[in-house]
Amino acid sequence: MRRTLALTAIAASIALVSAAPVAQARDQIRIVGSSTIFPLTTKVAEHFAKSTNAPAPVVESTGSGGGFKLFCGGIGEQFPDIVDASRPITGSETAICAANSVHDISEIKIGYDGIVLLGSRNAPTMELSARQLYLAMARTIPVKGASVPNPNEKWSDVDPTLPDLKIRVYGPPPTSGTRDLMGQLLLDKGCATFSDIANLESSDPDSFRLLCRTIREDGAYIEAGENDRLVINKLEKDPTSYGVMGFNNLERNRDKLQGITINGVEPDYKTILDGSYPGSRALYLYVKDAHQQLVQSLGDFVTTYVSDAVIGEDGLLAENGLVPLPTEERQDTLTQAAKFAGN
């Protein structure tokens, strides 16, 4: 009887070991994340493959939130190696990573971008305040001391000086870092111009975020997925509509698009880098350190990504809309990425 129990225990142990995920090597790096950074990282992947003869990394546009969900799923060949993100990782995402044994993660800042409201070259030019943008985009707005469903159907309903056009804005879904930061960087600022709501930011932050960042769902804001090229095509075909996108889309399509001024500041390299443009934000790579043993080319790819040839002032990504890091931050990035050199 004892021998039977012992054999049963051994068999159970073998079954558990067999069921445990095993990290297996693969040839290609797998990258998921921000739709804003997707075209930039795709450029780097192509450059890396040509300059090293290594297999080109597989790059997927999942949105920052969707990317972190996949990235934090675990360690092993079935999980991504890198997330490119248009916002920092959150505490809850870090906790999910840790729960799935994803402990050693390198955060590498690659440059700056901005969340901008864009229109085609044929669209009416607007100069918006953050308050006006909030009144156009929020699901509920304050009217005579009460929070009511947004009644503004036209831009001119928000302010008579704005175009007499139906509000129609294409933008990212909730999984997108651009969507998250549109709330934090733009809508919060407009919302806080109402004193009653502004007081909630310290006394009841959850209610503040709910009131300020909940986007309307009556057709004025149209979720356009993670395909930025599709949005640009829609703006070209319909010059009465606008879109919320990353600055690099504007910079790469100046012949087709115009950026909308917010709070009197135009989106450009200078205003994004110095922070005077309200939608300025940093862009990141998050790298799974343990996967250096899984994908042989991972260290070389990270080293290539942070090189002067890619993210420097005259680098590949600066030519494609990335705002390069200032000198001090650039040094921090090189220090953070140094662990991947030679691996």
Protein backbone atom coordinates (compact mmCIF):
# COMPACT_ATOMS: atom_id res chain seq x y z
CA MET A 1 0.00 0.00 0.00
CA ARG A 2 2.80 2.41 0.95
CA ARG A 3 4.65 1.61 -2.28
CA THR A 4 1.47 2.34 -4.28
CA LEU A 5 1.04 5.68 -2.51
CA ALA A 6 4.67 6.57 -3.13
CA LEU A 7 4.41 5.75 -6.82
CA THR A 8 1.21 7.77 -7.03
CA ALA A 9 2.93 10.77 -5.42
CA ILE A 10 5.87 10.49 -7.82
CA ALA A 11 3.52 10.30 -10.79
CA ALA A 12 1.64 13.35 -9.56
CA SER A 13 4.91 15.27 -9.16
CA ILE A 14 5.95 14.36 -12.69
CA ALA A 15 2.57 15.50 -13.98
CA LEU A 16 2.93 18.86 -12.21
CA VAL A 17 6.40 19.38 -13.61
CA SER A 18 5.17 18.46 -17.08
CA ALA A 19 2.30 20.94 -16.76
CA ALA A 20 4.60 23.80 -15.74
CA PRO A 21 5.45 26.28 -18.52
CA VAL A 22 8.89 25.70 -19.99
CA ALA A 23 10.81 28.56 -21.59
CA GLN A 24 11.85 27.44 -25.05
CA ALA A 25 14.09 29.37 -27.39
CA ARG A 26 12.71 31.00 -30.53
CA ASP A 27 14.28 32.97 -33.35
CA GLN A 28 12.08 36.07 -33.53
CA ILE A 29 11.49 38.78 -30.96
CA ARG A 30 7.82 39.42 -30.26
CA ILE A 31 6.69 42.99 -29.52
CA VAL A 32 3.18 44.16 -28.61
CA GLY A 33 1.74 47.49 -27.54
CA SER A 34 0.89 51.05 -28.50
CA SER A 35 -0.67 51.88 -31.84
CA THR A 36 1.15 55.22 -31.63
CA ILE A 37 4.57 53.58 -31.38
CA PHE A 38 3.69 50.71 -33.73
CA PRO A 39 4.93 52.46 -36.93
CA LEU A 40 8.10 53.58 -35.13
CA THR A 41 8.94 50.15 -33.75
CA THR A 42 8.16 48.61 -37.13
CA LYS A 43 10.78 50.93 -38.65
CA VAL A 44 13.30 49.83 -36.01
CA ALA A 45 12.48 46.16 -36.63
CA GLU A 46 13.13 46.58 -40.36
CA HIS A 47 16.37 48.49 -39.70
CA PHE A 48 17.51 45.83 -37.22
CA ALA A 49 16.89 42.97 -39.65
CA LYS A 50 18.78 44.73 -42.47
CA SER A 51 21.75 45.75 -40.34
CA THR A 52 22.23 42.46 -38.44
CA ASN A 53 20.74 39.79 -40.71
CA ALA A 54 18.75 38.60 -37.68
CA PRO A 55 15.08 37.72 -38.18
CA ALA A 56 12.88 40.84 -38.12
CA PRO A 57 10.93 41.12 -34.85
CA VAL A 58 7.19 40.53 -35.03
CA VAL A 59 5.42 43.79 -34.05
CA GLU A 60 1.71 43.85 -33.13
CA SER A 61 -0.51 46.89 -32.51
CA THR A 62 -2.60 45.94 -29.49
CA GLY A 63 -2.81 49.21 -27.57
CA SER A 64 -0.68 49.80 -24.48
CA GLY A 65 -3.22 48.21 -22.13
CA GLY A 66 -3.68 45.19 -24.37
CA GLY A 67 0.07 44.90 -24.71
CA PHE A 68 0.68 44.85 -20.96
CA LYS A 69 -2.03 42.19 -20.56
CA LEU A 70 -0.21 39.91 -23.01
CA PHE A 71 3.26 40.80 -21.71
CA CYS A 72 2.31 40.11 -18.08
CA GLY A 73 0.86 36.69 -18.92
CA GLY A 74 4.06 34.89 -18.00
CA ILE A 75 7.57 33.80 -18.92
CA GLY A 76 8.14 31.61 -21.95
CA GLU A 77 8.13 31.46 -25.72
CA GLN A 78 4.36 31.99 -25.98
CA PHE A 79 4.56 35.39 -24.24
CA PRO A 80 5.84 38.72 -25.71
CA ASP A 81 9.35 39.95 -24.98
CA ILE A 82 8.68 43.69 -25.21
CA VAL A 83 5.82 46.14 -24.78
CA ASP A 84 6.14 49.52 -26.46
CA ALA A 85 3.89 51.83 -24.46
CA SER A 86 2.61 55.39 -24.71
CA ARG A 87 2.19 55.55 -20.93
CA PRO A 88 3.96 54.13 -17.87
CA ILE A 89 3.00 50.70 -16.57
CA THR A 90 0.43 50.88 -13.77
CA GLY A 91 0.65 49.41 -10.29
CA SER A 92 -2.11 46.91 -11.05
CA GLU A 93 -0.30 45.78 -14.21
CA THR A 94 2.93 45.34 -12.27
CA ALA A 95 1.03 43.22 -9.74
CA ILE A 96 -0.39 41.02 -12.52
CA CYS A 97 3.10 40.58 -13.94
CA ALA A 98 4.43 39.58 -10.52
CA ALA A 99 1.58 37.11 -10.00
CA ASN A 100 2.66 35.42 -13.24
CA SER A 101 6.37 35.32 -12.31
CA VAL A 102 7.28 38.29 -14.52
CA HIS A 103 9.52 40.09 -12.03
CA ASP A 104 12.52 41.68 -13.73
CA ILE A 105 11.26 44.30 -16.18
CA SER A 106 13.37 47.09 -17.64
CA GLU A 107 11.64 50.42 -18.31
CA ILE A 108 13.42 52.31 -21.08
CA LYS A 109 12.28 55.78 -22.12
CA ILE A 110 12.80 56.26 -25.86
CA GLY A 111 11.55 59.81 -26.48
CA TYR A 112 8.50 62.07 -26.46
CA ASP A 113 5.29 62.33 -28.37
CA GLY A 114 2.07 64.26 -27.95
CA ILE A 115 -1.63 63.47 -27.95
CA VAL A 116 -3.05 65.77 -30.59
CA LEU A 117 -6.39 66.58 -32.15
CA LEU A 118 -5.96 66.38 -35.92
CA GLY A 119 -7.95 67.36 -38.94
CA SER A 120 -7.32 67.14 -42.65
CA ARG A 121 -5.75 70.08 -44.44
CA ASN A 122 -9.25 70.91 -45.71
CA ALA A 123 -10.88 70.87 -42.26
CA PRO A 124 -11.84 74.17 -40.60
CA THR A 125 -9.04 75.38 -38.36
CA MET A 126 -9.89 75.53 -34.67
CA GLU A 127 -8.17 76.86 -31.59
CA LEU A 128 -9.53 75.00 -28.58
CA SER A 129 -9.11 75.34 -24.86
CA ALA A 130 -8.91 72.20 -22.73
CA ARG A 131 -12.29 73.25 -21.28
CA GLN A 132 -13.87 73.34 -24.75
CA LEU A 133 -12.42 69.94 -25.61
CA TYR A 134 -13.84 68.50 -22.40
CA LEU A 135 -17.26 70.01 -23.14
CA ALA A 136 -17.16 68.40 -26.58
CA MET A 137 -15.94 64.94 -25.54
CA ALA A 138 -17.24 64.12 -22.05
CA ARG A 139 -20.29 61.89 -21.57
CA THR A 140 -21.69 64.20 -18.89
CA ILE A 141 -20.94 67.88 -18.27
CA PRO A 142 -21.92 70.37 -15.55
CA VAL A 143 -24.95 72.55 -16.36
CA LYS A 144 -26.32 74.88 -13.68
CA GLY A 145 -24.69 72.87 -10.91
CA ALA A 146 -25.89 69.47 -12.13
CA SER A 147 -24.11 66.78 -14.14
CA VAL A 148 -26.18 66.11 -17.26
CA PRO A 149 -25.74 64.05 -20.46
CA ASN A 150 -23.66 66.07 -22.90
CA PRO A 151 -26.12 68.19 -24.94
CA ASN A 152 -23.50 69.65 -27.33
CA GLU A 153 -24.12 68.34 -30.83
CA LYS A 154 -22.04 70.90 -32.72
CA TRP A 155 -18.74 72.59 -31.98
CA SER A 156 -20.64 75.88 -32.06
CA ASP A 157 -22.83 74.56 -29.21
CA VAL A 158 -19.67 74.40 -27.09
CA ASP A 159 -18.70 77.95 -28.07
CA PRO A 160 -20.29 80.19 -30.74
CA THR A 161 -16.81 81.08 -32.04
CA LEU A 162 -16.18 77.46 -33.07
CA PRO A 163 -17.27 75.98 -36.42
CA ASP A 164 -20.95 75.24 -36.99
CA LEU A 165 -20.16 71.57 -37.55
CA LYS A 166 -21.42 68.38 -35.98
CA ILE A 167 -18.94 67.04 -33.40
CA ARG A 168 -17.39 63.91 -34.86
CA VAL A 169 -14.05 62.75 -33.45
CA TYR A 170 -12.34 59.45 -34.24
CA GLY A 171 -10.24 58.14 -31.41
CA PRO A 172 -8.63 55.14 -29.74
CA PRO A 173 -10.42 52.45 -27.69
CA PRO A 174 -10.09 52.00 -23.91
CA THR A 175 -7.13 49.59 -24.33
CA SER A 176 -5.03 52.38 -25.83
CA GLY A 177 -2.48 54.41 -23.89
CA THR A 178 -3.48 57.38 -26.05
CA ARG A 179 -7.04 57.06 -24.74
CA ASP A 180 -5.79 56.87 -21.13
CA LEU A 181 -3.60 59.93 -21.47
CA MET A 182 -6.20 61.90 -23.41
CA GLY A 183 -8.16 61.77 -20.17
CA GLN A 184 -5.23 62.51 -17.88
CA LEU A 185 -3.51 65.20 -19.93
CA LEU A 186 -6.36 66.95 -21.74
CA LEU A 187 -9.81 66.20 -20.35
CA ASP A 188 -8.75 66.49 -16.70
CA LYS A 189 -7.40 69.98 -17.38
CA GLY A 190 -10.65 71.09 -18.98
CA CYS A 191 -12.78 69.43 -16.33
CA ALA A 192 -10.81 71.10 -13.52
CA THR A 193 -11.81 74.55 -14.82
CA PHE A 194 -15.17 73.90 -13.10
CA SER A 195 -14.49 74.62 -9.43
CA ASP A 196 -17.01 72.13 -8.01
CA ILE A 197 -15.43 69.28 -9.97
CA ALA A 198 -11.88 70.48 -9.34
CA ASN A 199 -12.46 70.14 -5.58
CA LEU A 200 -13.16 66.44 -6.08
CA GLU A 201 -9.64 65.78 -7.35
CA SER A 202 -8.32 65.74 -3.78
CA SER A 203 -11.46 64.82 -1.83
CA ASP A 204 -12.88 62.09 -4.09
CA PRO A 205 -10.42 61.24 -6.90
CA ASP A 206 -12.51 58.31 -8.17
CA SER A 207 -15.52 60.57 -8.76
CA PHE A 208 -13.25 63.18 -10.34
CA ARG A 209 -11.88 60.66 -12.84
CA LEU A 210 -15.35 59.31 -13.60
CA LEU A 211 -16.73 62.76 -14.34
CA CYS A 212 -13.72 63.98 -16.27
CA ARG A 213 -12.55 60.99 -18.30
CA THR A 214 -15.72 59.16 -19.28
CA ILE A 215 -16.10 59.70 -23.02
CA ARG A 216 -19.50 60.19 -24.60
CA GLU A 217 -21.09 57.24 -26.42
CA ASP A 218 -23.74 58.98 -28.52
CA GLY A 219 -21.80 58.95 -31.80
CA ALA A 220 -19.83 62.17 -31.35
CA TYR A 221 -16.78 60.13 -30.35
CA ILE A 222 -16.14 57.14 -32.61
CA GLU A 223 -13.82 54.36 -31.45
CA ALA A 224 -11.58 53.63 -34.42
CA GLY A 225 -9.54 50.70 -33.12
CA GLU A 226 -5.74 50.65 -33.17
CA ASN A 227 -5.27 51.38 -36.88
CA ASP A 228 -4.00 54.96 -37.15
CA ARG A 229 -3.74 54.78 -40.95
CA LEU A 230 -7.46 54.01 -41.13
CA VAL A 231 -8.24 57.14 -39.10
CA ILE A 232 -6.07 59.31 -41.35
CA ASN A 233 -7.92 57.98 -44.39
CA LYS A 234 -11.26 58.83 -42.75
CA LEU A 235 -10.10 62.38 -42.00
CA GLU A 236 -9.02 62.87 -45.60
CA LYS A 237 -12.38 61.66 -46.90
CA ASP A 238 -14.42 63.68 -44.40
CA PRO A 239 -12.93 67.14 -43.70
CA THR A 240 -15.68 67.88 -41.16
CA SER A 241 -14.31 65.23 -38.76
CA TYR A 242 -11.28 65.20 -36.46
CA GLY A 243 -9.14 62.52 -34.83
CA VAL A 244 -7.20 61.99 -31.60
CA MET A 245 -3.77 60.52 -32.37
CA GLY A 246 -0.08 60.64 -31.54
CA PHE A 247 1.99 63.62 -32.70
CA ASN A 248 4.22 61.44 -34.87
CA ASN A 249 1.20 60.83 -37.14
CA LEU A 250 0.95 64.58 -37.67
CA GLU A 251 4.66 64.97 -38.25
CA ARG A 252 4.75 62.16 -40.83
CA ASN A 253 1.66 63.49 -42.64
CA ARG A 254 2.05 67.28 -42.63
CA ASP A 255 0.99 67.35 -46.28
CA LYS A 256 -2.37 65.79 -45.34
CA LEU A 257 -3.07 66.85 -41.76
CA GLN A 258 -3.17 69.87 -39.47
CA GLY A 259 -2.79 69.93 -35.70
CA ILE A 260 -5.35 71.76 -33.56
CA THR A 261 -4.03 74.34 -31.10
CA ILE A 262 -4.97 73.65 -27.46
CA ASN A 263 -4.75 76.30 -24.75
CA GLY A 264 -3.04 78.56 -27.28
CA VAL A 265 -0.17 76.13 -27.90
CA GLU A 266 0.46 74.40 -31.23
CA PRO A 267 1.75 70.81 -31.21
CA ASP A 268 5.35 70.78 -32.48
CA TYR A 269 8.76 69.42 -31.47
CA LYS A 270 9.60 72.32 -29.17
CA THR A 271 6.29 72.53 -27.30
CA ILE A 272 6.14 68.77 -26.76
CA LEU A 273 9.70 68.55 -25.45
CA ASP A 274 9.40 71.54 -23.10
CA GLY A 275 5.98 70.39 -21.87
CA SER A 276 4.11 73.56 -22.81
CA TYR A 277 1.82 71.58 -25.12
CA PRO A 278 -0.85 70.08 -22.80
CA GLY A 279 -0.78 66.65 -24.44
CA SER A 280 2.98 66.04 -24.17
CA ARG A 281 3.95 62.53 -23.02
CA ALA A 282 6.93 60.17 -22.81
CA LEU A 283 7.14 56.89 -24.75
CA TYR A 284 8.61 53.67 -23.35
CA LEU A 285 9.87 50.18 -24.01
CA TYR A 286 9.28 47.56 -21.31
CA VAL A 287 11.59 44.58 -21.73
CA LYS A 288 11.32 41.19 -20.01
CA ASP A 289 14.87 40.64 -18.71
CA ALA A 290 14.46 36.86 -18.38
CA HIS A 291 13.78 36.56 -22.10
CA GLN A 292 17.38 37.39 -22.96
CA GLN A 293 17.97 33.65 -22.52
CA LEU A 294 14.94 32.84 -24.64
CA VAL A 295 15.58 35.02 -27.71
CA GLN A 296 19.23 35.35 -28.66
CA SER A 297 18.81 38.65 -30.51
CA LEU A 298 16.84 40.47 -27.77
CA GLY A 299 19.85 42.26 -26.28
CA ASP A 300 21.11 43.36 -29.68
CA PHE A 301 17.67 44.70 -30.60
CA VAL A 302 17.37 46.79 -27.43
CA THR A 303 20.88 48.15 -27.97
CA THR A 304 19.98 49.04 -31.56
CA TYR A 305 16.73 50.72 -30.48
CA VAL A 306 18.45 53.11 -28.05
CA SER A 307 21.33 53.94 -30.38
CA ASP A 308 21.96 57.42 -31.78
CA ALA A 309 21.19 56.05 -35.22
CA VAL A 310 17.64 55.28 -34.09
CA ILE A 311 16.52 57.66 -31.31
CA GLY A 312 19.22 60.33 -31.51
CA GLU A 313 18.56 63.88 -32.73
CA ASP A 314 19.25 62.90 -36.33
CA GLY A 315 18.15 59.31 -35.94
CA LEU A 316 15.70 57.13 -37.80
CA LEU A 317 12.78 57.83 -35.50
CA ALA A 318 13.32 61.59 -35.33
CA GLU A 319 12.73 61.54 -39.07
CA ASN A 320 9.42 59.79 -38.37
CA GLY A 321 8.01 62.09 -35.70
CA LEU A 322 9.67 61.04 -32.44
CA VAL A 323 10.82 63.96 -30.29
CA PRO A 324 14.32 62.95 -29.08
CA LEU A 325 15.23 62.88 -25.40
CA PRO A 326 17.20 65.76 -23.87
CA THR A 327 20.80 64.95 -22.95
CA GLU A 328 20.26 64.03 -19.27
CA GLU A 329 17.33 61.74 -19.99
CA ARG A 330 19.19 60.23 -22.92
CA GLN A 331 21.99 59.22 -20.57
CA ASP A 332 19.50 57.62 -18.18
CA THR A 333 18.11 55.58 -21.08
CA LEU A 334 21.59 54.40 -22.12
CA THR A 335 22.32 53.40 -18.51
CA GLN A 336 19.09 51.44 -18.25
CA ALA A 337 19.74 49.67 -21.57
CA ALA A 338 23.41 48.88 -20.77
CA LYS A 339 22.47 45.53 -19.21
CA PHE A 340 21.46 44.29 -22.66
CA ALA A 341 24.75 45.18 -24.36
CA GLY A 342 26.64 42.11 -25.52
CA ASN A 343 23.75 39.75 -24.68
